[in-house]
């Protein structure tokens, strides 16, 4: 590994040295052989890096990109809360606005002064609500002789009892 890191051929691939020759002197053929070995190492390392990058990109999707003015949730994974337990603490804090894009993966947020954290935290895109909208408010009840009156629009189901 050490010789490979220094771009030297592996010990088994080096041409044999004979006695009487100084370690610095070498024939032209040995130099070409070492050059070919180095080129093979570079090609194999470049190919391995390409395979590693391909495998990495298969498992990791690119992160979200935000522009100033977008709303984001702030992760509480590394924050300390005074809640009873971490299990019951919220996972994300209220949506805050992106103030500035520092680089493709870091953003400065507009945070309140009471929140003492670095303003480039783990973020999640803000969505309005995952819950369905609330049902409309029923109309006010009508009263007759102090008792409420209800209007039947349709009969949903009926069961006959007895014969």
N, C-alpha and C. Protein backbone atom coordinates (compact mmCIF):
# COMPACT_ATOMS: atom_id res chain seq x y z
N UNK A 1 0.81 -1.20 0.00
CA UNK A 1 0.00 0.00 0.00
C UNK A 1 0.85 1.26 0.00
N UNK A 2 1.98 1.22 0.74
CA UNK A 2 2.80 2.42 0.83
C UNK A 2 3.39 2.78 -0.52
N UNK A 3 3.86 1.79 -1.23
CA UNK A 3 4.46 2.07 -2.54
C UNK A 3 3.39 2.52 -3.53
N UNK A 4 2.18 1.95 -3.41
CA UNK A 4 1.10 2.35 -4.31
C UNK A 4 0.69 3.79 -4.08
N UNK A 5 0.75 4.24 -2.82
CA UNK A 5 0.40 5.62 -2.53
C UNK A 5 1.42 6.59 -3.10
N UNK A 6 2.66 6.15 -3.20
CA UNK A 6 3.70 7.02 -3.73
C UNK A 6 3.88 6.86 -5.23
N UNK A 7 2.96 6.18 -5.88
CA UNK A 7 2.99 5.94 -7.32
C UNK A 7 4.23 5.15 -7.75
N UNK A 8 4.66 4.23 -6.88
CA UNK A 8 5.76 3.35 -7.23
C UNK A 8 5.20 1.98 -7.53
N UNK A 9 5.81 1.23 -8.40
CA UNK A 9 5.28 -0.10 -8.68
C UNK A 9 5.40 -1.01 -7.47
N UNK A 10 4.51 -1.98 -7.39
CA UNK A 10 4.53 -2.93 -6.28
C UNK A 10 5.81 -3.74 -6.35
N UNK A 11 6.29 -4.28 -5.20
CA UNK A 11 7.56 -5.01 -5.21
C UNK A 11 7.58 -6.18 -6.18
N UNK A 12 6.50 -6.88 -6.36
CA UNK A 12 6.48 -8.01 -7.28
C UNK A 12 6.54 -7.59 -8.74
N UNK A 13 6.18 -6.35 -9.04
CA UNK A 13 6.15 -5.89 -10.43
C UNK A 13 7.44 -5.19 -10.84
N UNK A 14 8.29 -4.89 -9.89
CA UNK A 14 9.54 -4.19 -10.23
C UNK A 14 10.46 -5.15 -10.97
N UNK A 15 11.19 -4.64 -11.94
CA UNK A 15 12.17 -5.49 -12.62
C UNK A 15 13.28 -5.87 -11.65
N UNK A 16 13.82 -7.06 -11.77
CA UNK A 16 14.87 -7.49 -10.83
C UNK A 16 16.13 -6.66 -11.00
N UNK A 17 16.81 -6.41 -9.87
CA UNK A 17 18.06 -5.67 -9.90
C UNK A 17 19.21 -6.66 -9.78
N UNK A 18 20.24 -6.37 -10.47
CA UNK A 18 21.41 -7.26 -10.42
C UNK A 18 22.49 -6.63 -9.57
N UNK A 19 23.45 -7.44 -9.12
CA UNK A 19 24.55 -6.93 -8.31
C UNK A 19 25.50 -6.11 -9.19
N UNK A 20 26.15 -5.21 -8.56
CA UNK A 20 27.12 -4.41 -9.29
C UNK A 20 26.49 -3.17 -9.88
N UNK A 21 25.16 -3.11 -9.93
CA UNK A 21 24.50 -1.92 -10.46
C UNK A 21 24.11 -1.03 -9.30
N UNK A 22 24.28 0.25 -9.47
CA UNK A 22 23.84 1.15 -8.42
C UNK A 22 22.32 1.23 -8.42
N UNK A 23 21.76 1.56 -7.25
CA UNK A 23 20.30 1.57 -7.15
C UNK A 23 19.69 2.67 -8.00
N UNK A 24 20.42 3.73 -8.28
CA UNK A 24 19.87 4.83 -9.06
C UNK A 24 19.95 4.61 -10.55
N UNK A 25 20.81 3.71 -11.00
CA UNK A 25 20.97 3.53 -12.44
C UNK A 25 19.98 2.48 -12.92
N UNK A 26 19.43 2.67 -14.10
CA UNK A 26 18.49 1.71 -14.66
C UNK A 26 18.48 1.83 -16.16
N UNK A 27 18.10 0.77 -16.80
CA UNK A 27 18.07 0.80 -18.25
C UNK A 27 16.79 1.48 -18.73
N UNK A 28 16.77 1.77 -20.00
CA UNK A 28 15.61 2.41 -20.60
C UNK A 28 14.39 1.49 -20.52
N UNK A 29 14.58 0.21 -20.68
CA UNK A 29 13.48 -0.75 -20.60
C UNK A 29 12.84 -0.79 -19.22
N UNK A 30 13.68 -0.69 -18.18
CA UNK A 30 13.14 -0.67 -16.82
C UNK A 30 12.30 0.59 -16.60
N UNK A 31 12.76 1.70 -17.10
CA UNK A 31 12.03 2.96 -16.95
C UNK A 31 10.68 2.88 -17.65
N UNK A 32 10.65 2.31 -18.84
CA UNK A 32 9.38 2.17 -19.57
C UNK A 32 8.45 1.23 -18.80
N UNK A 33 9.02 0.15 -18.26
CA UNK A 33 8.21 -0.81 -17.51
C UNK A 33 7.59 -0.14 -16.28
N UNK A 34 8.37 0.66 -15.57
CA UNK A 34 7.85 1.37 -14.40
C UNK A 34 6.79 2.37 -14.82
N UNK A 35 7.00 3.06 -15.94
CA UNK A 35 6.01 4.01 -16.45
C UNK A 35 4.70 3.31 -16.77
N UNK A 36 4.77 2.14 -17.41
CA UNK A 36 3.56 1.37 -17.74
C UNK A 36 2.85 0.94 -16.47
N UNK A 37 3.63 0.51 -15.45
CA UNK A 37 3.02 0.11 -14.18
C UNK A 37 2.28 1.28 -13.53
N UNK A 38 2.90 2.46 -13.54
CA UNK A 38 2.26 3.64 -12.95
C UNK A 38 0.99 3.99 -13.71
N UNK A 39 1.03 3.91 -15.04
CA UNK A 39 -0.18 4.19 -15.83
C UNK A 39 -1.28 3.19 -15.52
N UNK A 40 -0.92 1.92 -15.31
CA UNK A 40 -1.92 0.92 -14.96
C UNK A 40 -2.52 1.22 -13.59
N UNK A 41 -1.68 1.64 -12.63
CA UNK A 41 -2.19 2.00 -11.31
C UNK A 41 -3.17 3.17 -11.40
N UNK A 42 -2.79 4.17 -12.15
CA UNK A 42 -3.66 5.35 -12.29
C UNK A 42 -4.98 4.95 -12.92
N UNK A 43 -4.94 4.12 -13.96
CA UNK A 43 -6.17 3.69 -14.62
C UNK A 43 -7.04 2.87 -13.68
N UNK A 44 -6.44 1.98 -12.89
CA UNK A 44 -7.25 1.16 -11.99
C UNK A 44 -7.85 2.00 -10.87
N UNK A 45 -7.10 2.97 -10.35
CA UNK A 45 -7.63 3.83 -9.29
C UNK A 45 -8.73 4.73 -9.83
N UNK A 46 -8.55 5.25 -11.03
CA UNK A 46 -9.59 6.09 -11.64
C UNK A 46 -10.86 5.28 -11.87
N UNK A 47 -10.72 4.06 -12.35
CA UNK A 47 -11.89 3.20 -12.55
C UNK A 47 -12.58 2.85 -11.24
N UNK A 48 -11.79 2.57 -10.20
CA UNK A 48 -12.38 2.28 -8.89
C UNK A 48 -13.13 3.48 -8.35
N UNK A 49 -12.56 4.68 -8.50
CA UNK A 49 -13.25 5.89 -8.05
C UNK A 49 -14.56 6.10 -8.80
N UNK A 50 -14.58 5.81 -10.09
CA UNK A 50 -15.81 5.95 -10.87
C UNK A 50 -16.86 4.95 -10.37
N UNK A 51 -16.44 3.71 -10.06
CA UNK A 51 -17.39 2.72 -9.54
C UNK A 51 -17.92 3.14 -8.17
N UNK A 52 -17.04 3.64 -7.31
CA UNK A 52 -17.47 4.08 -5.98
C UNK A 52 -18.47 5.24 -6.10
N UNK A 53 -18.19 6.18 -6.99
CA UNK A 53 -19.10 7.32 -7.18
C UNK A 53 -20.45 6.84 -7.69
N UNK A 54 -20.45 5.89 -8.62
CA UNK A 54 -21.71 5.37 -9.15
C UNK A 54 -22.52 4.69 -8.05
N UNK A 55 -21.88 3.88 -7.21
CA UNK A 55 -22.58 3.21 -6.12
C UNK A 55 -23.10 4.22 -5.11
N UNK A 56 -22.33 5.25 -4.83
CA UNK A 56 -22.77 6.28 -3.89
C UNK A 56 -24.00 7.01 -4.41
N UNK A 57 -23.98 7.38 -5.68
CA UNK A 57 -25.10 8.12 -6.24
C UNK A 57 -26.34 7.27 -6.38
N UNK A 58 -26.19 5.95 -6.44
CA UNK A 58 -27.37 5.07 -6.49
C UNK A 58 -28.14 5.11 -5.18
N UNK A 59 -27.45 5.27 -4.07
CA UNK A 59 -28.09 5.22 -2.76
C UNK A 59 -28.42 6.60 -2.19
N UNK A 60 -27.84 7.65 -2.71
CA UNK A 60 -28.04 8.97 -2.14
C UNK A 60 -28.66 9.89 -3.19
N UNK A 61 -29.80 10.45 -2.84
CA UNK A 61 -30.43 11.40 -3.75
C UNK A 61 -29.91 12.81 -3.41
N UNK A 62 -29.90 13.71 -4.37
CA UNK A 62 -29.42 15.06 -4.08
C UNK A 62 -30.36 15.76 -3.11
N UNK A 63 -29.80 16.61 -2.27
CA UNK A 63 -30.59 17.32 -1.28
C UNK A 63 -31.42 18.42 -1.90
N UNK A 64 -32.29 18.97 -1.08
CA UNK A 64 -33.15 20.06 -1.54
C UNK A 64 -32.32 21.33 -1.68
N UNK A 65 -32.68 22.14 -2.64
CA UNK A 65 -32.03 23.44 -2.79
C UNK A 65 -33.07 24.51 -2.49
N UNK A 66 -32.67 25.50 -1.74
CA UNK A 66 -33.57 26.56 -1.32
C UNK A 66 -33.07 27.90 -1.86
N UNK A 67 -33.99 28.83 -1.97
CA UNK A 67 -33.65 30.20 -2.37
C UNK A 67 -34.07 31.12 -1.22
N UNK A 68 -33.48 32.29 -1.11
CA UNK A 68 -33.89 33.21 -0.05
C UNK A 68 -35.39 33.49 -0.11
N UNK A 69 -36.03 33.38 1.05
CA UNK A 69 -37.47 33.57 1.14
C UNK A 69 -38.23 32.27 1.32
N UNK A 70 -37.61 31.12 1.04
CA UNK A 70 -38.27 29.83 1.26
C UNK A 70 -38.42 29.57 2.75
N UNK A 71 -39.47 28.82 3.10
CA UNK A 71 -39.67 28.42 4.49
C UNK A 71 -39.18 27.00 4.67
N UNK A 72 -38.51 26.75 5.80
CA UNK A 72 -37.95 25.43 6.09
C UNK A 72 -38.18 25.09 7.56
N UNK A 73 -38.20 23.78 7.85
CA UNK A 73 -38.24 23.29 9.22
C UNK A 73 -36.79 23.10 9.68
N UNK A 74 -36.50 23.36 10.95
CA UNK A 74 -35.16 23.19 11.51
C UNK A 74 -35.16 21.92 12.36
N UNK A 75 -34.21 21.03 12.10
CA UNK A 75 -34.12 19.76 12.83
C UNK A 75 -33.65 20.00 14.26
N UNK A 76 -34.20 19.22 15.19
CA UNK A 76 -33.81 19.31 16.60
C UNK A 76 -32.94 18.12 17.01
N UNK A 77 -32.33 17.45 16.04
CA UNK A 77 -31.56 16.24 16.35
C UNK A 77 -30.40 16.54 17.29
N UNK A 78 -29.72 17.66 17.13
CA UNK A 78 -28.55 17.96 17.95
C UNK A 78 -28.80 19.08 18.95
N UNK A 79 -30.06 19.41 19.20
CA UNK A 79 -30.38 20.48 20.14
C UNK A 79 -30.81 19.90 21.48
N UNK A 80 -30.52 20.62 22.55
CA UNK A 80 -30.94 20.20 23.89
C UNK A 80 -32.23 20.92 24.25
N UNK A 81 -33.23 20.15 24.68
CA UNK A 81 -34.50 20.73 25.09
C UNK A 81 -34.74 20.44 26.56
N UNK A 82 -35.59 21.24 27.15
CA UNK A 82 -35.94 21.01 28.54
C UNK A 82 -37.18 20.15 28.65
N UNK A 83 -37.51 19.45 27.60
CA UNK A 83 -38.65 18.54 27.64
C UNK A 83 -38.28 17.36 28.54
N UNK A 84 -39.28 16.62 28.99
CA UNK A 84 -39.03 15.49 29.87
C UNK A 84 -38.12 14.45 29.26
N UNK A 85 -38.30 14.15 27.99
CA UNK A 85 -37.45 13.16 27.33
C UNK A 85 -37.28 13.55 25.88
N UNK A 86 -36.24 13.02 25.28
CA UNK A 86 -35.99 13.32 23.87
C UNK A 86 -37.08 12.72 22.99
N UNK A 87 -37.66 11.61 23.47
CA UNK A 87 -38.72 10.94 22.71
C UNK A 87 -39.94 11.85 22.54
N UNK A 88 -40.25 12.64 23.56
CA UNK A 88 -41.43 13.49 23.51
C UNK A 88 -41.15 14.89 22.96
N UNK A 89 -39.90 15.21 22.73
CA UNK A 89 -39.54 16.52 22.20
C UNK A 89 -39.91 16.59 20.71
N UNK A 90 -40.19 17.78 20.19
CA UNK A 90 -40.51 17.89 18.76
C UNK A 90 -39.30 17.56 17.90
N UNK A 91 -39.53 16.99 16.73
CA UNK A 91 -38.43 16.62 15.84
C UNK A 91 -37.97 17.80 14.99
N UNK A 92 -38.87 18.72 14.69
CA UNK A 92 -38.53 19.89 13.90
C UNK A 92 -39.16 21.12 14.54
N UNK A 93 -38.49 22.26 14.42
CA UNK A 93 -39.01 23.52 14.95
C UNK A 93 -39.80 24.25 13.87
N UNK A 94 -40.51 25.25 14.31
CA UNK A 94 -41.40 26.01 13.44
C UNK A 94 -40.70 26.43 12.16
N UNK A 95 -41.47 26.67 11.11
CA UNK A 95 -40.83 27.07 9.84
C UNK A 95 -40.17 28.44 9.96
N UNK A 96 -38.94 28.48 9.51
CA UNK A 96 -38.18 29.72 9.47
C UNK A 96 -37.84 30.04 8.03
N UNK A 97 -37.50 31.29 7.77
CA UNK A 97 -37.25 31.76 6.42
C UNK A 97 -35.75 31.69 6.11
N UNK A 98 -35.43 31.26 4.89
CA UNK A 98 -34.04 31.25 4.43
C UNK A 98 -33.65 32.69 4.13
N UNK A 99 -32.56 33.14 4.76
CA UNK A 99 -32.11 34.52 4.58
C UNK A 99 -31.07 34.62 3.47
N UNK A 100 -30.14 33.64 3.43
CA UNK A 100 -29.04 33.74 2.49
C UNK A 100 -28.54 32.34 2.15
N UNK A 101 -28.15 32.13 0.90
CA UNK A 101 -27.54 30.88 0.48
C UNK A 101 -26.03 31.04 0.58
N UNK A 102 -25.40 30.26 1.47
CA UNK A 102 -23.96 30.37 1.67
C UNK A 102 -23.23 29.54 0.62
N UNK A 103 -23.59 28.27 0.49
CA UNK A 103 -23.09 27.39 -0.57
C UNK A 103 -24.20 26.39 -0.87
N UNK A 104 -24.04 25.47 -1.79
CA UNK A 104 -25.16 24.60 -2.17
C UNK A 104 -25.75 23.76 -1.04
N UNK A 105 -25.03 23.59 0.07
CA UNK A 105 -25.57 22.77 1.16
C UNK A 105 -25.72 23.53 2.47
N UNK A 106 -25.37 24.81 2.54
CA UNK A 106 -25.49 25.60 3.77
C UNK A 106 -26.33 26.84 3.50
N UNK A 107 -27.21 27.13 4.48
CA UNK A 107 -28.13 28.26 4.34
C UNK A 107 -28.16 29.01 5.66
N UNK A 108 -28.26 30.34 5.58
CA UNK A 108 -28.43 31.16 6.78
C UNK A 108 -29.92 31.41 6.93
N UNK A 109 -30.42 31.22 8.16
CA UNK A 109 -31.85 31.36 8.43
C UNK A 109 -32.11 32.59 9.27
N UNK A 110 -33.33 33.09 9.19
CA UNK A 110 -33.78 34.18 10.02
C UNK A 110 -34.36 33.56 11.30
N UNK A 111 -33.54 33.48 12.36
CA UNK A 111 -33.95 32.83 13.60
C UNK A 111 -34.18 33.87 14.69
N UNK A 112 -35.06 33.56 15.65
CA UNK A 112 -35.24 34.49 16.77
C UNK A 112 -34.00 34.50 17.66
N UNK A 113 -33.83 35.59 18.42
CA UNK A 113 -32.65 35.72 19.28
C UNK A 113 -32.66 34.70 20.41
N UNK A 114 -33.84 34.23 20.80
CA UNK A 114 -33.92 33.27 21.90
C UNK A 114 -33.40 31.89 21.51
N UNK A 115 -33.33 31.61 20.23
CA UNK A 115 -32.85 30.31 19.75
C UNK A 115 -31.35 30.43 19.50
N UNK A 116 -30.55 29.96 20.43
CA UNK A 116 -29.09 30.12 20.36
C UNK A 116 -28.46 28.94 19.64
N UNK A 117 -28.62 28.88 18.33
CA UNK A 117 -27.97 27.84 17.54
C UNK A 117 -27.33 28.50 16.33
N UNK A 118 -26.44 27.77 15.70
CA UNK A 118 -25.81 28.27 14.48
C UNK A 118 -26.87 28.28 13.39
N UNK A 119 -27.03 29.37 12.66
CA UNK A 119 -28.15 29.47 11.72
C UNK A 119 -27.98 28.70 10.43
N UNK A 120 -27.12 27.71 10.38
CA UNK A 120 -27.02 26.85 9.20
C UNK A 120 -27.17 25.41 9.67
N UNK A 121 -28.38 25.01 9.92
CA UNK A 121 -28.65 23.71 10.53
C UNK A 121 -29.23 22.74 9.52
N UNK A 122 -29.57 21.55 10.01
CA UNK A 122 -30.21 20.55 9.17
C UNK A 122 -31.64 21.01 8.89
N UNK A 123 -32.01 21.01 7.61
CA UNK A 123 -33.28 21.59 7.20
C UNK A 123 -34.16 20.57 6.50
N UNK A 124 -35.45 20.90 6.46
CA UNK A 124 -36.43 20.08 5.76
C UNK A 124 -37.41 21.05 5.11
N UNK A 125 -37.84 20.80 3.87
CA UNK A 125 -38.75 21.74 3.22
C UNK A 125 -40.06 21.87 3.99
N UNK A 126 -40.60 23.07 4.01
CA UNK A 126 -41.86 23.34 4.71
C UNK A 126 -43.03 22.99 3.81
N UNK A 127 -43.99 22.26 4.36
CA UNK A 127 -45.26 22.00 3.69
C UNK A 127 -46.36 22.52 4.60
N UNK A 128 -47.45 22.98 4.01
CA UNK A 128 -48.50 23.60 4.81
C UNK A 128 -49.04 22.65 5.87
N UNK A 129 -49.62 21.53 5.45
CA UNK A 129 -50.18 20.58 6.40
C UNK A 129 -50.39 19.25 5.71
N UNK A 130 -50.09 18.18 6.42
CA UNK A 130 -50.33 16.86 5.88
C UNK A 130 -51.74 16.37 6.24
N UNK A 131 -52.42 17.09 7.12
CA UNK A 131 -53.76 16.71 7.54
C UNK A 131 -54.79 17.28 6.57
N UNK A 132 -55.92 16.60 6.41
CA UNK A 132 -56.96 17.17 5.55
C UNK A 132 -57.54 18.43 6.20
N UNK A 133 -58.14 19.31 5.40
CA UNK A 133 -58.70 20.53 5.98
C UNK A 133 -59.84 20.21 6.93
N UNK A 134 -60.05 21.11 7.87
CA UNK A 134 -61.11 20.91 8.85
C UNK A 134 -62.48 20.95 8.17
N UNK A 135 -63.42 20.22 8.77
CA UNK A 135 -64.80 20.21 8.25
C UNK A 135 -65.42 21.59 8.46
N UNK A 136 -66.32 21.99 7.56
CA UNK A 136 -66.94 23.31 7.74
C UNK A 136 -67.79 23.34 9.01
N UNK A 137 -67.89 24.52 9.57
CA UNK A 137 -68.66 24.70 10.80
C UNK A 137 -70.14 24.53 10.48
N UNK A 138 -70.86 23.73 11.27
CA UNK A 138 -72.29 23.55 10.99
C UNK A 138 -73.05 24.86 11.23
N UNK A 139 -74.16 25.03 10.55
CA UNK A 139 -74.93 26.27 10.74
C UNK A 139 -75.49 26.32 12.17
N UNK A 140 -75.80 27.51 12.64
CA UNK A 140 -76.33 27.61 14.00
C UNK A 140 -77.67 26.89 14.12
N UNK A 141 -77.91 26.33 15.30
CA UNK A 141 -79.15 25.56 15.52
C UNK A 141 -80.35 26.51 15.58
N UNK A 142 -81.49 25.96 15.10
CA UNK A 142 -82.75 26.72 15.20
C UNK A 142 -83.51 26.21 16.42
N UNK A 143 -84.20 27.09 17.06
CA UNK A 143 -84.92 26.72 18.28
C UNK A 143 -86.40 26.96 18.11
N UNK A 144 -87.20 26.05 18.71
CA UNK A 144 -88.66 26.20 18.77
C UNK A 144 -89.07 25.81 20.18
N UNK A 145 -89.66 26.73 20.89
CA UNK A 145 -90.06 26.54 22.29
C UNK A 145 -88.85 26.15 23.16
N UNK A 146 -87.69 26.72 22.90
CA UNK A 146 -86.51 26.46 23.71
C UNK A 146 -85.79 25.17 23.37
N UNK A 147 -86.30 24.39 22.43
CA UNK A 147 -85.67 23.12 22.04
C UNK A 147 -85.08 23.29 20.64
N UNK A 148 -83.91 22.69 20.39
CA UNK A 148 -83.33 22.81 19.03
C UNK A 148 -84.10 21.98 18.02
N UNK A 149 -84.19 22.50 16.80
CA UNK A 149 -84.86 21.80 15.69
C UNK A 149 -83.79 21.41 14.68
N UNK A 150 -83.83 20.16 14.23
CA UNK A 150 -82.87 19.68 13.24
C UNK A 150 -83.60 19.36 11.96
N UNK A 151 -82.96 19.61 10.83
CA UNK A 151 -83.52 19.31 9.52
C UNK A 151 -82.88 18.03 9.00
N UNK A 152 -83.70 17.06 8.57
CA UNK A 152 -83.20 15.81 8.02
C UNK A 152 -83.11 15.97 6.51
N UNK A 153 -81.91 15.84 5.96
CA UNK A 153 -81.74 15.97 4.51
C UNK A 153 -81.98 14.64 3.81
N UNK A 154 -81.47 13.55 4.38
CA UNK A 154 -81.70 12.23 3.80
C UNK A 154 -81.49 11.17 4.87
N UNK A 155 -82.11 10.01 4.66
CA UNK A 155 -81.96 8.90 5.58
C UNK A 155 -80.81 8.04 5.06
N UNK A 156 -79.78 7.87 5.88
CA UNK A 156 -78.61 7.13 5.44
C UNK A 156 -78.81 5.62 5.54
N UNK A 157 -79.47 5.15 6.59
CA UNK A 157 -79.63 3.72 6.77
C UNK A 157 -80.85 3.50 7.65
N UNK A 158 -81.54 2.39 7.43
CA UNK A 158 -82.72 2.07 8.23
C UNK A 158 -82.72 0.58 8.51
N UNK A 159 -83.11 0.19 9.72
CA UNK A 159 -83.22 -1.21 10.10
C UNK A 159 -84.65 -1.47 10.54
N UNK A 160 -85.24 -2.51 10.00
CA UNK A 160 -86.58 -2.90 10.45
C UNK A 160 -86.43 -3.75 11.68
N UNK A 161 -87.23 -3.51 12.65
CA UNK A 161 -87.18 -4.29 13.88
C UNK A 161 -88.48 -5.08 13.99
N UNK A 162 -88.34 -6.31 14.36
CA UNK A 162 -89.53 -7.16 14.49
C UNK A 162 -89.99 -7.66 13.15
N UNK A 163 -91.28 -8.17 13.12
CA UNK A 163 -91.81 -8.74 11.88
C UNK A 163 -92.51 -7.75 11.04
